Protein backbone atom coordinates (compact mmCIF):
# COMPACT_ATOMS: atom_id res chain seq x y z
CA MET A 1 0.06 0.04 -0.11
CA LYS A 2 1.26 3.43 -1.07
CA LYS A 3 1.62 5.96 1.63
CA PHE A 4 1.56 9.81 0.77
CA ALA A 5 1.29 13.16 2.37
CA VAL A 6 0.05 16.59 1.72
CA LEU A 7 0.95 20.05 2.91
CA THR A 8 -0.11 23.65 2.06
CA SER A 9 2.81 26.21 2.17
CA GLY A 10 3.48 30.02 1.72
CA GLY A 11 0.41 32.46 1.57
CA ASP A 12 -3.10 30.67 1.83
CA ALA A 13 -5.27 30.70 -1.36
CA PRO A 14 -8.95 30.18 -1.86
CA GLY A 15 -9.34 26.51 -3.30
CA MET A 16 -6.44 24.98 -1.34
CA ASN A 17 -9.04 23.06 0.51
CA ALA A 18 -10.38 21.70 -2.61
CA ALA A 19 -6.91 20.60 -3.71
CA VAL A 20 -6.45 19.02 -0.21
CA ARG A 21 -9.76 17.31 -0.60
CA ALA A 22 -9.00 15.86 -4.05
CA ALA A 23 -5.60 14.48 -2.94
CA VAL A 24 -6.97 12.75 0.20
CA ARG A 25 -10.04 11.12 -1.67
CA LYS A 26 -8.14 10.36 -4.64
CA SER A 27 -5.60 8.53 -2.51
CA ILE A 28 -8.18 6.56 -0.61
CA TYR A 29 -10.07 5.65 -3.83
CA HIS A 30 -6.64 4.05 -4.96
CA GLN A 31 -6.31 2.37 -1.56
CA ALA A 32 -3.29 4.61 -0.49
CA LYS A 33 -2.80 5.82 2.96
CA ILE A 34 -2.88 9.66 3.03
CA TYR A 35 -1.47 11.85 5.77
CA GLY A 36 -1.83 15.76 6.38
CA ILE A 37 1.11 17.69 7.52
CA ARG A 38 0.12 20.98 9.37
CA HIS A 39 1.79 24.27 8.96
CA GLY A 40 3.60 23.62 5.67
CA PHE A 41 7.40 23.24 5.78
CA LEU A 42 7.32 24.26 9.33
CA GLY A 43 5.34 21.39 10.17
CA LEU A 44 7.44 19.09 8.23
CA VAL A 45 10.54 20.02 10.21
CA GLN A 46 8.56 19.73 13.46
CA GLY A 47 6.89 16.58 12.68
CA GLU A 48 3.03 17.58 12.55
CA LEU A 49 1.92 14.61 10.74
CA PHE A 50 -1.62 13.12 11.00
CA PRO A 51 -3.61 10.63 9.23
CA MET A 52 -6.52 11.57 6.96
CA LYS A 53 -9.86 9.99 6.27
CA LEU A 54 -12.60 10.67 4.03
CA SER A 55 -14.25 12.47 6.82
CA SER A 56 -11.17 14.65 7.28
CA VAL A 57 -12.09 16.66 4.24
CA ALA A 58 -15.72 16.51 4.45
CA ASP A 59 -17.53 19.96 4.00
CA ILE A 60 -14.22 21.78 3.27
CA ILE A 61 -14.60 22.36 -0.49
CA HIS A 62 -16.25 25.64 -0.05
CA ARG A 63 -14.02 27.09 2.59
CA GLY A 64 -11.34 29.50 1.77
CA GLY A 65 -7.99 29.53 3.57
CA THR A 66 -6.42 26.02 4.33
CA VAL A 67 -7.44 23.33 6.94
CA LEU A 68 -3.88 22.00 7.06
CA GLN A 69 -2.73 25.77 7.91
CA THR A 70 0.34 27.38 6.73
CA ALA A 71 3.41 29.14 7.89
CA ARG A 72 6.89 30.43 6.82
CA SER A 73 9.73 28.17 7.87
CA PRO A 74 12.98 29.89 8.05
CA GLU A 75 14.63 26.71 9.63
CA PHE A 76 13.84 24.68 6.36
CA LEU A 77 15.70 27.25 4.48
CA THR A 78 18.83 25.84 6.11
CA GLU A 79 20.45 22.59 5.40
CA GLU A 80 20.04 21.35 9.15
CA GLY A 81 16.32 22.26 8.66
CA GLN A 82 16.08 20.30 5.29
CA LYS A 83 17.93 17.32 6.74
CA LYS A 84 15.11 17.23 9.65
CA ALA A 85 12.46 17.30 7.26
CA ILE A 86 14.00 14.51 5.04
CA ASN A 87 14.88 12.22 8.12
CA PHE A 88 11.35 12.73 9.16
CA LEU A 89 9.60 11.78 5.94
CA GLN A 90 12.03 8.77 5.53
CA LYS A 91 11.26 7.63 9.17
CA GLU A 92 7.65 7.84 8.52
CA LYS A 93 7.96 5.79 5.29
CA ILE A 94 6.07 8.52 3.27
CA GLU A 95 6.48 7.66 -0.40
CA GLY A 96 5.19 10.89 -1.79
CA LEU A 97 4.61 14.39 -0.81
CA VAL A 98 1.98 16.74 -2.40
CA VAL A 99 3.09 20.27 -1.89
CA ILE A 100 0.37 22.89 -2.42
CA GLY A 101 1.81 26.38 -2.80
CA GLY A 102 3.72 28.96 -4.94
CA ASP A 103 7.30 29.34 -6.31
CA GLY A 104 9.01 29.02 -3.08
CA SER A 105 6.87 26.01 -2.20
CA PHE A 106 8.00 24.24 -5.42
CA ARG A 107 11.71 25.17 -4.67
CA GLY A 108 11.24 23.46 -1.26
CA ALA A 109 9.65 20.48 -2.98
CA GLN A 110 12.60 20.07 -5.41
CA VAL A 111 14.99 20.30 -2.57
CA LEU A 112 13.05 17.09 -1.22
CA GLN A 113 13.00 15.56 -4.57
CA LYS A 114 16.72 15.85 -5.05
CA ALA A 115 17.15 14.08 -1.59
CA GLY A 116 15.14 11.27 -2.91
CA ILE A 117 11.63 12.09 -1.54
CA ALA A 118 9.06 11.93 -4.36
CA THR A 119 7.15 15.25 -4.75
CA VAL A 120 4.54 16.89 -6.94
CA GLY A 121 3.67 20.52 -6.79
CA VAL A 122 0.36 22.05 -7.08
CA PRO A 123 0.13 25.72 -7.84
CA GLY A 124 -1.83 27.55 -4.97
CA THR A 125 -1.34 31.17 -4.97
CA ILE A 126 -3.48 34.14 -5.67
CA ASP A 127 -0.64 35.98 -7.57
CA ASN A 128 -0.81 33.78 -10.65
CA ASP A 129 2.87 34.26 -11.00
CA ILE A 130 3.77 30.56 -11.83
CA PRO A 131 5.18 30.11 -15.20
CA ILE A 132 3.61 27.88 -17.65
CA THR A 133 0.19 27.46 -16.15
CA ASP A 134 -2.51 29.56 -17.31
CA TYR A 135 -4.09 29.73 -13.84
CA THR A 136 -3.22 29.08 -10.32
CA ILE A 137 -5.71 28.10 -7.50
CA GLY A 138 -7.00 31.12 -5.85
CA PHE A 139 -6.35 33.71 -8.55
CA ASP A 140 -9.93 33.64 -9.98
CA THR A 141 -11.41 34.30 -6.37
CA ALA A 142 -8.91 37.05 -5.80
CA VAL A 143 -9.86 38.66 -8.90
CA ASN A 144 -13.59 38.53 -8.31
CA THR A 145 -12.82 39.96 -4.69
CA VAL A 146 -10.99 42.90 -6.36
CA THR A 147 -13.77 43.48 -9.18
CA ASP A 148 -16.42 43.51 -6.16
CA ALA A 149 -14.46 46.20 -4.34
CA ILE A 150 -14.18 48.25 -7.53
CA ASN A 151 -17.91 47.95 -7.98
CA LYS A 152 -18.60 49.14 -4.40
CA VAL A 153 -16.02 51.88 -4.23
CA ARG A 154 -17.40 53.48 -7.39
CA ASP A 155 -20.67 54.30 -5.41
CA THR A 156 -18.77 56.60 -3.12
CA ALA A 157 -16.16 57.75 -5.68
CA THR A 158 -19.16 59.10 -7.59
CA SER A 159 -20.94 60.66 -4.76
CA HIS A 160 -17.85 62.64 -3.46
CA GLU A 161 -16.32 63.03 -7.12
CA ARG A 162 -12.95 61.64 -6.12
CA ILE A 163 -10.10 59.69 -7.48
CA PHE A 164 -9.65 56.25 -5.77
CA ILE A 165 -6.55 54.29 -5.91
CA ILE A 166 -6.93 50.68 -5.20
CA GLU A 167 -3.81 48.70 -4.19
CA VAL A 168 -3.99 45.03 -4.80
CA MET A 169 -1.62 42.26 -4.06
CA GLY A 170 0.60 40.23 -6.57
CA ARG A 171 4.09 40.87 -5.27
CA ASN A 172 5.97 41.44 -8.38
CA SER A 173 3.15 40.37 -10.63
CA GLY A 174 0.54 42.50 -12.14
CA GLN A 175 -1.99 39.57 -12.97
CA ILE A 176 -4.60 40.42 -10.44
CA ALA A 177 -4.38 44.34 -11.20
CA LEU A 178 -4.55 43.57 -15.04
CA HIS A 179 -7.65 41.13 -14.78
CA ALA A 180 -9.53 42.99 -12.04
CA GLY A 181 -8.83 46.34 -13.81
CA LEU A 182 -10.11 44.91 -17.05
CA ALA A 183 -13.24 43.49 -15.58
CA GLY A 184 -13.91 46.40 -13.43
CA GLY A 185 -13.19 49.27 -15.99
CA ALA A 186 -10.45 50.95 -14.01
CA GLU A 187 -9.28 54.09 -15.65
CA SER A 188 -5.69 53.11 -15.30
CA ILE A 189 -3.83 50.02 -14.24
CA VAL A 190 -0.15 50.45 -12.52
CA ILE A 191 1.72 47.05 -12.85
CA PRO A 192 5.44 46.25 -12.10
CA GLU A 193 5.74 44.73 -15.73
CA THR A 194 6.12 48.28 -17.09
CA PRO A 195 7.34 51.51 -15.49
CA PHE A 196 4.96 53.80 -13.83
CA ASN A 197 3.91 56.60 -16.27
CA LEU A 198 2.70 59.41 -14.16
CA GLU A 199 2.31 61.86 -17.08
CA GLU A 200 0.08 59.24 -18.95
CA VAL A 201 -1.96 58.49 -15.85
CA CYS A 202 -2.61 62.19 -15.09
CA ASN A 203 -3.58 62.96 -18.44
CA ARG A 204 -6.11 60.42 -18.65
CA LEU A 205 -7.53 61.67 -15.37
CA MET A 206 -7.74 65.17 -16.49
CA ARG A 207 -9.32 64.36 -19.85
CA GLY A 208 -12.10 62.42 -17.69
CA VAL A 209 -12.44 65.58 -15.37
CA LYS A 210 -12.67 67.97 -18.58
CA ARG A 211 -15.48 65.84 -19.97
CA GLY A 212 -17.44 65.84 -16.88
CA LYS A 213 -16.40 62.69 -15.42
CA LEU A 214 -17.40 62.23 -11.72
CA HIS A 215 -15.02 59.72 -10.35
CA SER A 216 -11.95 57.65 -11.44
CA VAL A 217 -10.56 54.41 -10.09
CA ILE A 218 -6.92 53.41 -10.66
CA LEU A 219 -5.70 49.90 -9.72
CA VAL A 220 -2.13 49.53 -8.44
CA ALA A 221 -0.27 46.39 -7.92
CA GLU A 222 1.79 46.30 -4.59
CA GLY A 223 4.97 45.66 -6.54
CA ALA A 224 4.53 48.53 -8.83
CA GLY A 225 5.29 51.27 -6.09
CA GLY A 226 2.31 50.90 -3.85
CA GLY A 227 -0.89 52.78 -3.77
CA ILE A 228 0.28 55.50 -1.26
CA TYR A 229 3.02 56.46 -3.58
CA VAL A 230 1.01 56.50 -6.63
CA GLY A 231 -1.64 58.50 -4.98
CA ASP A 232 0.63 61.13 -3.50
CA GLU A 233 2.19 61.62 -7.00
CA ILE A 234 -1.33 61.73 -8.85
CA LYS A 235 -2.42 64.33 -6.06
CA ARG A 236 0.76 66.59 -6.48
CA VAL A 237 0.26 66.62 -10.36
CA THR A 238 -3.51 67.06 -10.68
CA ARG A 239 -4.19 68.89 -7.46
CA GLN A 240 -7.38 66.62 -7.38
CA GLU A 241 -8.77 64.87 -4.23
CA VAL A 242 -7.33 61.34 -4.05
CA ARG A 243 -8.30 58.36 -1.69
CA VAL A 244 -6.22 55.34 -1.37
CA MET A 245 -7.67 51.96 -0.50
CA ILE A 246 -5.36 49.02 0.43
CA LEU A 247 -7.25 45.70 0.02
CA GLY A 248 -4.46 43.64 1.49
CA HIS A 249 -5.37 40.12 2.71
CA LEU A 250 -8.96 40.71 2.13
CA GLN A 251 -7.88 39.22 -1.40
CA ARG A 252 -6.96 35.92 0.08
CA GLY A 253 -9.90 35.10 1.94
CA GLY A 254 -13.65 34.14 1.15
CA THR A 255 -15.40 31.18 -0.61
CA PRO A 256 -13.49 30.13 -3.55
CA THR A 257 -15.37 30.58 -6.98
CA ALA A 258 -16.62 27.43 -8.92
CA PHE A 259 -13.61 28.03 -11.35
CA ASP A 260 -11.12 27.57 -8.54
CA ARG A 261 -12.71 24.68 -6.91
CA ILE A 262 -12.79 22.70 -10.25
CA LEU A 263 -9.19 23.81 -10.91
CA ALA A 264 -8.08 22.75 -7.64
CA SER A 265 -9.98 19.34 -7.72
CA ARG A 266 -8.46 18.44 -10.99
CA MET A 267 -4.78 19.57 -9.89
CA GLY A 268 -5.07 17.66 -6.64
CA ALA A 269 -6.17 14.44 -8.11
CA LYS A 270 -3.71 14.72 -11.11
CA ALA A 271 -0.79 14.93 -8.42
CA ILE A 272 -1.85 11.65 -6.74
CA ASP A 273 -2.10 10.20 -10.47
CA LEU A 274 1.73 11.21 -10.83
CA LEU A 275 2.64 9.68 -7.53
CA LEU A 276 1.04 6.52 -8.25
CA GLU A 277 2.75 6.28 -11.42
CA ASP A 278 6.09 7.01 -9.75
CA ASN A 279 6.37 10.05 -11.91
CA SER A 280 7.43 12.80 -9.31
CA GLY A 281 9.61 15.93 -9.63
CA GLN A 282 7.08 17.82 -11.33
CA ALA A 283 4.45 20.60 -10.90
CA ILE A 284 1.06 20.49 -12.25
CA VAL A 285 -0.12 23.24 -14.60
CA SER A 286 -3.17 24.14 -16.32
CA ARG A 287 -2.43 24.72 -20.17
CA ASN A 288 -4.98 25.37 -22.68
CA GLY A 289 -7.68 23.87 -20.59
CA ARG A 290 -5.87 20.75 -19.90
CA ILE A 291 -4.14 19.60 -16.66
CA GLU A 292 -0.48 18.84 -17.34
CA ALA A 293 2.72 18.30 -15.50
CA VAL A 294 6.05 19.83 -16.16
CA PRO A 295 9.35 19.13 -14.48
CA TYR A 296 10.50 21.50 -11.53
CA ASP A 297 13.71 22.71 -13.62
CA GLU A 298 11.59 23.38 -16.82
CA LEU A 299 9.22 25.38 -14.64
CA PHE A 300 11.95 27.43 -13.11
CA ALA A 301 13.67 28.30 -16.39
CA ARG A 302 10.60 29.92 -17.64
CA LYS A 303 9.12 33.30 -16.88
CA LYS A 304 5.42 33.94 -16.34
CA GLU A 305 3.91 35.39 -19.53
CA PHE A 306 2.00 38.59 -19.27
CA SER A 307 -1.05 39.44 -21.73
CA TRP A 308 0.16 42.81 -23.07
CA ASP A 309 -2.93 42.36 -25.53
CA ASP A 310 -5.32 42.74 -22.39
CA TYR A 311 -3.26 45.47 -20.98
CA HIS A 312 -3.52 47.58 -24.04
CA LEU A 313 -7.30 46.64 -24.41
CA ALA A 314 -7.97 47.83 -20.96
CA SER A 315 -6.22 51.25 -21.80
CA ILE A 316 -8.37 51.53 -24.86
CA LEU A 317 -11.54 50.84 -23.12
CA ALA A 318 -10.79 53.27 -20.50
CA ILE A 319 -10.46 56.38 -22.92
């Protein structure tokens, strides 16, 4: 009988629970034992392992966050910490580990893989900054959360005739800002993939003011300088009243969308398929609607593609 384990690592993302559920139930379906590891790589170093049953994942598909919990682990970044984790997994005779998380989590999984521990990575991050895959688990939910915030802030922006700056997450990625900005009709989208053009943003705002526009909403990815900085610069140049709203961790929470639940279920199940086939050392990706797997090295050698067509479209539609 095979013996697998699953953990969630890094920042939580809506849909992680659906991936855990799929991994657990797919394992049991194939008569493999499955264990959960609490607190990600920290729990791996500390030995926080527990058996999971069908009931362990009942009624979690609709819940945000992660029932396995997650944490950062500076100790795992050290050689000593990695040895602890490897020795623990070998002692417990874990034959395969599913790691659900982002880029840092995948690199941790690769460390274990090179040490002889079979691992498969499942992309769970709202940032959608993992190369090759079209979507990561949690991204769609985060975009919907931001879009809803844009819809709501327009009411008060219109009432007070103000410029609103909304800062969104994404680390060094403008994926959330781009997709939510396009969906929400933002007047400008400021992203780290291209330098902040203050003149262009301000000219766009002032053209709107001259034709009687009552409000403007500008989306700023946190990696592009931050909402406060952008807001101060716009206020300095335009002399208009500006308000800054930082959505922060609100974007990580909430019930995952149907899209994220389905994506997570397919990815979590695929991870177990690979382990059952002794085909580890890979990350799951969604490419052109298909769930596939690519080796870690190939994933790390690529950069996330950015849709400049969508970026230019958002600019055209916001004239």
